[in-house]
Amino acid sequence: YHLAPNGYLHAASVIALADTACGYGCILSLPEGATG
């Protein structure tokens, strides 16, 4: 289910991985006073 119909990795799957890693890093790196 990570693949596109052509049998190769779907770009959205790759972006989901990258954006999630950045998002989790951001959560843990928020400056004082930030809520999200």
PDB file of all heavy atoms in Angstrom:
ATOM      1  N   TYR A   1       0.807  -1.223   0.000  1.00  0.00           N
ATOM      2  CA  TYR A   1       0.000   0.000   0.000  1.00  0.00           C
ATOM      3  C   TYR A   1       0.841   1.276   0.000  1.00  0.00           C
ATOM      4  O   TYR A   1       0.295   2.364  -0.137  1.00  0.00           O
ATOM      5  CB  TYR A   1      -1.034   0.013   1.128  1.00  0.00           C
ATOM      6  CG  TYR A   1      -0.494  -0.156   2.532  1.00  0.00           C
ATOM      7  CD1 TYR A   1       0.100   0.898   3.216  1.00  0.00           C
ATOM      8  CD2 TYR A   1      -0.601  -1.378   3.167  1.00  0.00           C
ATOM      9  CE1 TYR A   1       0.581   0.737   4.498  1.00  0.00           C
ATOM     10  CE2 TYR A   1      -0.133  -1.549   4.451  1.00  0.00           C
ATOM     11  CZ  TYR A   1       0.457  -0.488   5.115  1.00  0.00           C
ATOM     12  OH  TYR A   1       0.934  -0.650   6.385  1.00  0.00           O
ATOM     13  N   HIS A   2       2.159   1.180   0.120  1.00  0.00           N
ATOM     14  CA  HIS A   2       3.043   2.345  -0.031  1.00  0.00           C
ATOM     15  C   HIS A   2       3.378   2.622  -1.498  1.00  0.00           C
ATOM     16  O   HIS A   2       4.006   3.637  -1.804  1.00  0.00           O
ATOM     17  CB  HIS A   2       4.370   2.129   0.707  1.00  0.00           C
ATOM     18  CG  HIS A   2       4.233   2.108   2.187  1.00  0.00           C
ATOM     19  ND1 HIS A   2       4.761   1.101   2.947  1.00  0.00           N
ATOM     20  CD2 HIS A   2       3.622   2.948   3.043  1.00  0.00           C
ATOM     21  CE1 HIS A   2       4.501   1.331   4.221  1.00  0.00           C
ATOM     22  NE2 HIS A   2       3.802   2.439   4.307  1.00  0.00           N
ATOM     23  N   LEU A   3       2.985   1.719  -2.366  1.00  0.00           N
ATOM     24  CA  LEU A   3       3.347   1.819  -3.781  1.00  0.00           C
ATOM     25  C   LEU A   3       2.265   2.504  -4.598  1.00  0.00           C
ATOM     26  O   LEU A   3       1.085   2.466  -4.259  1.00  0.00           O
ATOM     27  CB  LEU A   3       3.598   0.426  -4.349  1.00  0.00           C
ATOM     28  CG  LEU A   3       4.646  -0.435  -3.629  1.00  0.00           C
ATOM     29  CD1 LEU A   3       4.716  -1.818  -4.267  1.00  0.00           C
ATOM     30  CD2 LEU A   3       5.995   0.244  -3.602  1.00  0.00           C
ATOM     31  N   ALA A   4       2.693   3.110  -5.687  1.00  0.00           N
ATOM     32  CA  ALA A   4       1.776   3.647  -6.688  1.00  0.00           C
ATOM     33  C   ALA A   4       1.348   2.483  -7.600  1.00  0.00           C
ATOM     34  O   ALA A   4       1.971   1.417  -7.577  1.00  0.00           O
ATOM     35  CB  ALA A   4       2.467   4.748  -7.495  1.00  0.00           C
ATOM     36  N   PRO A   5       0.319   2.669  -8.408  1.00  0.00           N
ATOM     37  CA  PRO A   5      -0.119   1.587  -9.309  1.00  0.00           C
ATOM     38  C   PRO A   5       0.971   1.099 -10.266  1.00  0.00           C
ATOM     39  O   PRO A   5       0.885  -0.020 -10.766  1.00  0.00           O
ATOM     40  CB  PRO A   5      -1.288   2.219 -10.079  1.00  0.00           C
ATOM     41  CG  PRO A   5      -1.844   3.230  -9.135  1.00  0.00           C
ATOM     42  CD  PRO A   5      -0.630   3.793  -8.421  1.00  0.00           C
ATOM     43  N   ASN A   6       2.015   1.910 -10.489  1.00  0.00           N
ATOM     44  CA  ASN A   6       3.095   1.468 -11.381  1.00  0.00           C
ATOM     45  C   ASN A   6       4.093   0.544 -10.682  1.00  0.00           C
ATOM     46  O   ASN A   6       5.057   0.093 -11.287  1.00  0.00           O
ATOM     47  CB  ASN A   6       3.821   2.668 -11.993  1.00  0.00           C
ATOM     48  CG  ASN A   6       4.577   3.502 -10.968  1.00  0.00           C
ATOM     49  OD1 ASN A   6       4.599   3.192  -9.776  1.00  0.00           O
ATOM     50  ND2 ASN A   6       5.190   4.578 -11.429  1.00  0.00           N
ATOM     51  N   GLY A   7       3.877   0.272  -9.386  1.00  0.00           N
ATOM     52  CA  GLY A   7       4.738  -0.663  -8.674  1.00  0.00           C
ATOM     53  C   GLY A   7       5.918  -0.034  -7.961  1.00  0.00           C
ATOM     54  O   GLY A   7       6.701  -0.727  -7.323  1.00  0.00           O
ATOM     55  N   TYR A   8       6.061   1.282  -8.070  1.00  0.00           N
ATOM     56  CA  TYR A   8       7.147   1.989  -7.393  1.00  0.00           C
ATOM     57  C   TYR A   8       6.603   2.744  -6.185  1.00  0.00           C
ATOM     58  O   TYR A   8       5.412   3.034  -6.100  1.00  0.00           O
ATOM     59  CB  TYR A   8       7.829   2.962  -8.358  1.00  0.00           C
ATOM     60  CG  TYR A   8       8.644   2.260  -9.402  1.00  0.00           C
ATOM     61  CD1 TYR A   8       8.103   2.004 -10.658  1.00  0.00           C
ATOM     62  CD2 TYR A   8       9.940   1.834  -9.137  1.00  0.00           C
ATOM     63  CE1 TYR A   8       8.837   1.345 -11.625  1.00  0.00           C
ATOM     64  CE2 TYR A   8      10.687   1.171 -10.098  1.00  0.00           C
ATOM     65  CZ  TYR A   8      10.134   0.919 -11.336  1.00  0.00           C
ATOM     66  OH  TYR A   8      10.854   0.263 -12.291  1.00  0.00           O
ATOM     67  N   LEU A   9       7.485   3.092  -5.295  1.00  0.00           N
ATOM     68  CA  LEU A   9       7.122   3.799  -4.076  1.00  0.00           C
ATOM     69  C   LEU A   9       6.371   5.085  -4.404  1.00  0.00           C
ATOM     70  O   LEU A   9       6.823   5.892  -5.213  1.00  0.00           O
ATOM     71  CB  LEU A   9       8.405   4.109  -3.300  1.00  0.00           C
ATOM     72  CG  LEU A   9       8.290   4.591  -1.873  1.00  0.00           C
ATOM     73  CD1 LEU A   9       7.522   3.605  -1.012  1.00  0.00           C
ATOM     74  CD2 LEU A   9       9.691   4.777  -1.285  1.00  0.00           C
ATOM     75  N   HIS A  10       5.231   5.276  -3.787  1.00  0.00           N
ATOM     76  CA  HIS A  10       4.414   6.474  -4.003  1.00  0.00           C
ATOM     77  C   HIS A  10       5.076   7.662  -3.310  1.00  0.00           C
ATOM     78  O   HIS A  10       5.499   7.556  -2.157  1.00  0.00           O
ATOM     79  CB  HIS A  10       3.014   6.237  -3.442  1.00  0.00           C
ATOM     80  CG  HIS A  10       1.998   7.217  -3.909  1.00  0.00           C
ATOM     81  ND1 HIS A  10       2.012   8.544  -3.552  1.00  0.00           N
ATOM     82  CD2 HIS A  10       0.928   7.055  -4.731  1.00  0.00           C
ATOM     83  CE1 HIS A  10       0.999   9.159  -4.115  1.00  0.00           C
ATOM     84  NE2 HIS A  10       0.321   8.280  -4.841  1.00  0.00           N
ATOM     85  N   ALA A  11       5.145   8.790  -3.988  1.00  0.00           N
ATOM     86  CA  ALA A  11       5.775   9.990  -3.420  1.00  0.00           C
ATOM     87  C   ALA A  11       5.138  10.400  -2.096  1.00  0.00           C
ATOM     88  O   ALA A  11       5.822  10.826  -1.166  1.00  0.00           O
ATOM     89  CB  ALA A  11       5.697  11.142  -4.418  1.00  0.00           C
ATOM     90  N   ALA A  12       3.834  10.245  -1.973  1.00  0.00           N
ATOM     91  CA  ALA A  12       3.145  10.632  -0.742  1.00  0.00           C
ATOM     92  C   ALA A  12       3.590   9.783   0.443  1.00  0.00           C
ATOM     93  O   ALA A  12       3.624  10.269   1.583  1.00  0.00           O
ATOM     94  CB  ALA A  12       1.634  10.534  -0.926  1.00  0.00           C
ATOM     95  N   SER A  13       3.960   8.538   0.220  1.00  0.00           N
ATOM     96  CA  SER A  13       4.469   7.693   1.303  1.00  0.00           C
ATOM     97  C   SER A  13       5.804   8.226   1.817  1.00  0.00           C
ATOM     98  O   SER A  13       6.046   8.277   3.022  1.00  0.00           O
ATOM     99  CB  SER A  13       4.654   6.246   0.816  1.00  0.00           C
ATOM    100  OG  SER A  13       3.422   5.685   0.436  1.00  0.00           O
ATOM    101  N   VAL A  14       6.658   8.637   0.891  1.00  0.00           N
ATOM    102  CA  VAL A  14       7.961   9.191   1.260  1.00  0.00           C
ATOM    103  C   VAL A  14       7.776  10.505   2.016  1.00  0.00           C
ATOM    104  O   VAL A  14       8.424  10.754   3.038  1.00  0.00           O
ATOM    105  CB  VAL A  14       8.842   9.393   0.004  1.00  0.00           C
ATOM    106  CG1 VAL A  14      10.160  10.054   0.362  1.00  0.00           C
ATOM    107  CG2 VAL A  14       9.068   8.063  -0.705  1.00  0.00           C
ATOM    108  N   ILE A  15       6.893  11.346   1.528  1.00  0.00           N
ATOM    109  CA  ILE A  15       6.639  12.634   2.184  1.00  0.00           C
ATOM    110  C   ILE A  15       6.061  12.420   3.580  1.00  0.00           C
ATOM    111  O   ILE A  15       6.417  13.134   4.519  1.00  0.00           O
ATOM    112  CB  ILE A  15       5.724  13.512   1.303  1.00  0.00           C
ATOM    113  CG1 ILE A  15       6.521  13.979   0.072  1.00  0.00           C
ATOM    114  CG2 ILE A  15       5.179  14.702   2.076  1.00  0.00           C
ATOM    115  CD1 ILE A  15       5.707  14.675  -0.983  1.00  0.00           C
ATOM    116  N   ALA A  16       5.195  11.428   3.741  1.00  0.00           N
ATOM    117  CA  ALA A  16       4.640  11.141   5.068  1.00  0.00           C
ATOM    118  C   ALA A  16       5.745  10.773   6.054  1.00  0.00           C
ATOM    119  O   ALA A  16       5.733  11.227   7.205  1.00  0.00           O
ATOM    120  CB  ALA A  16       3.614  10.024   4.982  1.00  0.00           C
ATOM    121  N   LEU A  17       6.709   9.975   5.619  1.00  0.00           N
ATOM    122  CA  LEU A  17       7.827   9.611   6.483  1.00  0.00           C
ATOM    123  C   LEU A  17       8.647  10.838   6.857  1.00  0.00           C
ATOM    124  O   LEU A  17       8.919  11.092   8.039  1.00  0.00           O
ATOM    125  CB  LEU A  17       8.719   8.569   5.793  1.00  0.00           C
ATOM    126  CG  LEU A  17      10.015   8.205   6.509  1.00  0.00           C
ATOM    127  CD1 LEU A  17       9.753   7.592   7.876  1.00  0.00           C
ATOM    128  CD2 LEU A  17      10.837   7.263   5.632  1.00  0.00           C
ATOM    129  N   ALA A  18       9.020  11.631   5.863  1.00  0.00           N
ATOM    130  CA  ALA A  18       9.862  12.811   6.109  1.00  0.00           C
ATOM    131  C   ALA A  18       9.145  13.851   6.966  1.00  0.00           C
ATOM    132  O   ALA A  18       9.716  14.380   7.934  1.00  0.00           O
ATOM    133  CB  ALA A  18      10.286  13.431   4.773  1.00  0.00           C
ATOM    134  N   ASP A  19       7.888  14.130   6.663  1.00  0.00           N
ATOM    135  CA  ASP A  19       7.149  15.148   7.406  1.00  0.00           C
ATOM    136  C   ASP A  19       6.891  14.706   8.841  1.00  0.00           C
ATOM    137  O   ASP A  19       6.909  15.518   9.763  1.00  0.00           O
ATOM    138  CB  ASP A  19       5.842  15.474   6.688  1.00  0.00           C
ATOM    139  CG  ASP A  19       5.191  16.735   7.228  1.00  0.00           C
ATOM    140  OD1 ASP A  19       5.878  17.767   7.346  1.00  0.00           O
ATOM    141  OD2 ASP A  19       3.986  16.694   7.528  1.00  0.00           O
ATOM    142  N   THR A  20       6.664  13.425   9.054  1.00  0.00           N
ATOM    143  CA  THR A  20       6.467  12.911  10.405  1.00  0.00           C
ATOM    144  C   THR A  20       7.742  13.063  11.225  1.00  0.00           C
ATOM    145  O   THR A  20       7.694  13.505  12.384  1.00  0.00           O
ATOM    146  CB  THR A  20       6.015  11.438  10.374  1.00  0.00           C
ATOM    147  OG1 THR A  20       4.765  11.353   9.681  1.00  0.00           O
ATOM    148  CG2 THR A  20       5.872  10.873  11.773  1.00  0.00           C
ATOM    149  N   ALA A  21       8.877  12.721  10.648  1.00  0.00           N
ATOM    150  CA  ALA A  21      10.147  12.871  11.374  1.00  0.00           C
ATOM    151  C   ALA A  21      10.379  14.333  11.756  1.00  0.00           C
ATOM    152  O   ALA A  21      10.745  14.641  12.895  1.00  0.00           O
ATOM    153  CB  ALA A  21      11.305  12.349  10.533  1.00  0.00           C
ATOM    154  N   CYS A  22      10.127  15.232  10.824  1.00  0.00           N
ATOM    155  CA  CYS A  22      10.282  16.667  11.114  1.00  0.00           C
ATOM    156  C   CYS A  22       9.286  17.117  12.173  1.00  0.00           C
ATOM    157  O   CYS A  22       9.631  17.887  13.080  1.00  0.00           O
ATOM    158  CB  CYS A  22      10.099  17.490   9.844  1.00  0.00           C
ATOM    159  SG  CYS A  22      11.369  17.217   8.599  1.00  0.00           S
ATOM    160  N   GLY A  23       8.059  16.655  12.067  1.00  0.00           N
ATOM    161  CA  GLY A  23       7.032  17.053  13.027  1.00  0.00           C
ATOM    162  C   GLY A  23       7.338  16.592  14.436  1.00  0.00           C
ATOM    163  O   GLY A  23       7.204  17.352  15.394  1.00  0.00           O
ATOM    164  N   TYR A  24       7.787  15.362  14.580  1.00  0.00           N
ATOM    165  CA  TYR A  24       8.128  14.869  15.912  1.00  0.00           C
ATOM    166  C   TYR A  24       9.334  15.628  16.460  1.00  0.00           C
ATOM    167  O   TYR A  24       9.384  15.948  17.642  1.00  0.00           O
ATOM    168  CB  TYR A  24       8.404  13.373  15.883  1.00  0.00           C
ATOM    169  CG  TYR A  24       7.151  12.512  15.793  1.00  0.00           C
ATOM    170  CD1 TYR A  24       5.929  13.020  15.356  1.00  0.00           C
ATOM    171  CD2 TYR A  24       7.187  11.173  16.134  1.00  0.00           C
ATOM    172  CE1 TYR A  24       4.800  12.236  15.267  1.00  0.00           C
ATOM    173  CE2 TYR A  24       6.051  10.379  16.062  1.00  0.00           C
ATOM    174  CZ  TYR A  24       4.873  10.906  15.627  1.00  0.00           C
ATOM    175  OH  TYR A  24       3.747  10.130  15.549  1.00  0.00           O
ATOM    176  N   GLY A  25      10.293  15.908  15.588  1.00  0.00           N
ATOM    177  CA  GLY A  25      11.436  16.709  16.027  1.00  0.00           C
ATOM    178  C   GLY A  25      11.010  18.098  16.454  1.00  0.00           C
ATOM    179  O   GLY A  25      11.511  18.643  17.449  1.00  0.00           O
ATOM    180  N   CYS A  26      10.079  18.675  15.727  1.00  0.00           N
ATOM    181  CA  CYS A  26       9.583  20.010  16.054  1.00  0.00           C
ATOM    182  C   CYS A  26       8.893  20.013  17.415  1.00  0.00           C
ATOM    183  O   CYS A  26       9.116  20.908  18.234  1.00  0.00           O
ATOM    184  CB  CYS A  26       8.631  20.490  14.957  1.00  0.00           C
ATOM    185  SG  CYS A  26       8.090  22.198  15.144  1.00  0.00           S
ATOM    186  N   ILE A  27       8.073  19.013  17.676  1.00  0.00           N
ATOM    187  CA  ILE A  27       7.387  18.910  18.964  1.00  0.00           C
ATOM    188  C   ILE A  27       8.399  18.967  20.105  1.00  0.00           C
ATOM    189  O   ILE A  27       8.189  19.645  21.107  1.00  0.00           O
ATOM    190  CB  ILE A  27       6.575  17.597  19.060  1.00  0.00           C
ATOM    191  CG1 ILE A  27       5.363  17.654  18.149  1.00  0.00           C
ATOM    192  CG2 ILE A  27       6.158  17.310  20.498  1.00  0.00           C
ATOM    193  CD1 ILE A  27       4.664  16.317  17.977  1.00  0.00           C
ATOM    194  N   LEU A  28       9.494  18.252  19.922  1.00  0.00           N
ATOM    195  CA  LEU A  28      10.492  18.157  20.994  1.00  0.00           C
ATOM    196  C   LEU A  28      11.454  19.339  21.015  1.00  0.00           C
ATOM    197  O   LEU A  28      12.270  19.442  21.930  1.00  0.00           O
ATOM    198  CB  LEU A  28      11.268  16.853  20.858  1.00  0.00           C
ATOM    199  CG  LEU A  28      10.400  15.602  21.006  1.00  0.00           C
ATOM    200  CD1 LEU A  28      11.208  14.348  20.716  1.00  0.00           C
ATOM    201  CD2 LEU A  28       9.759  15.535  22.379  1.00  0.00           C
ATOM    202  N   SER A  29      11.354  20.220  20.044  1.00  0.00           N
ATOM    203  CA  SER A  29      12.263  21.375  19.957  1.00  0.00           C
ATOM    204  C   SER A  29      11.522  22.702  20.067  1.00  0.00           C
ATOM    205  O   SER A  29      12.075  23.745  19.704  1.00  0.00           O
ATOM    206  CB  SER A  29      13.013  21.335  18.612  1.00  0.00           C
ATOM    207  OG  SER A  29      13.726  20.139  18.461  1.00  0.00           O
ATOM    208  N   LEU A  30      10.286  22.676  20.514  1.00  0.00           N
ATOM    209  CA  LEU A  30       9.520  23.919  20.607  1.00  0.00           C
ATOM    210  C   LEU A  30      10.140  24.875  21.618  1.00  0.00           C
ATOM    211  O   LEU A  30      10.580  24.445  22.689  1.00  0.00           O
ATOM    212  CB  LEU A  30       8.069  23.629  21.008  1.00  0.00           C
ATOM    213  CG  LEU A  30       7.195  22.975  19.944  1.00  0.00           C
ATOM    214  CD1 LEU A  30       5.856  22.576  20.528  1.00  0.00           C
ATOM    215  CD2 LEU A  30       7.025  23.893  18.743  1.00  0.00           C
ATOM    216  N   PRO A  31      10.163  26.164  21.293  1.00  0.00           N
ATOM    217  CA  PRO A  31      10.686  27.144  22.242  1.00  0.00           C
ATOM    218  C   PRO A  31       9.725  27.351  23.415  1.00  0.00           C
ATOM    219  O   PRO A  31       8.539  26.996  23.335  1.00  0.00           O
ATOM    220  CB  PRO A  31      10.820  28.420  21.406  1.00  0.00           C
ATOM    221  CG  PRO A  31       9.855  28.249  20.290  1.00  0.00           C
ATOM    222  CD  PRO A  31       9.755  26.772  20.025  1.00  0.00           C
ATOM    223  N   GLU A  32      10.221  27.920  24.461  1.00  0.00           N
ATOM    224  CA  GLU A  32       9.417  28.183  25.651  1.00  0.00           C
ATOM    225  C   GLU A  32       8.182  29.004  25.295  1.00  0.00           C
ATOM    226  O   GLU A  32       8.243  29.952  24.515  1.00  0.00           O
ATOM    227  CB  GLU A  32      10.254  28.941  26.681  1.00  0.00           C
ATOM    228  CG  GLU A  32       9.560  29.087  28.011  1.00  0.00           C
ATOM    229  CD  GLU A  32      10.453  29.732  29.061  1.00  0.00           C
ATOM    230  OE1 GLU A  32      11.675  29.525  29.014  1.00  0.00           O
ATOM    231  OE2 GLU A  32       9.896  30.450  29.898  1.00  0.00           O
ATOM    232  N   GLY A  33       7.050  28.609  25.834  1.00  0.00           N
ATOM    233  CA  GLY A  33       5.800  29.330  25.607  1.00  0.00           C
ATOM    234  C   GLY A  33       5.004  28.838  24.416  1.00  0.00           C
ATOM    235  O   GLY A  33       3.852  29.222  24.240  1.00  0.00           O
ATOM    236  N   ALA A  34       5.596  27.998  23.575  1.00  0.00           N
ATOM    237  CA  ALA A  34       4.891  27.485  22.398  1.00  0.00           C
ATOM    238  C   ALA A  34       3.909  26.390  22.816  1.00  0.00           C
ATOM    239  O   ALA A  34       4.164  25.648  23.762  1.00  0.00           O
ATOM    240  CB  ALA A  34       5.883  26.939  21.383  1.00  0.00           C
ATOM    241  N   THR A  35       2.792  26.312  22.094  1.00  0.00           N
ATOM    242  CA  THR A  35       1.780  25.298  22.391  1.00  0.00           C
ATOM    243  C   THR A  35       1.712  24.209  21.334  1.00  0.00           C
ATOM    244  O   THR A  35       1.024  23.206  21.529  1.00  0.00           O
ATOM    245  CB  THR A  35       0.393  25.953  22.509  1.00  0.00           C
ATOM    246  OG1 THR A  35       0.097  26.624  21.278  1.00  0.00           O
ATOM    247  CG2 THR A  35       0.342  26.934  23.662  1.00  0.00           C
ATOM    248  N   GLY A  36       2.385  24.391  20.225  1.00  0.00           N
ATOM    249  CA  GLY A  36       2.364  23.418  19.149  1.00  0.00           C
ATOM    250  C   GLY A  36       2.968  23.997  17.889  1.00  0.00           C
ATOM    251  O   GLY A  36       3.674  25.004  17.927  1.00  0.00           O
TER     252      GLY A  36
END
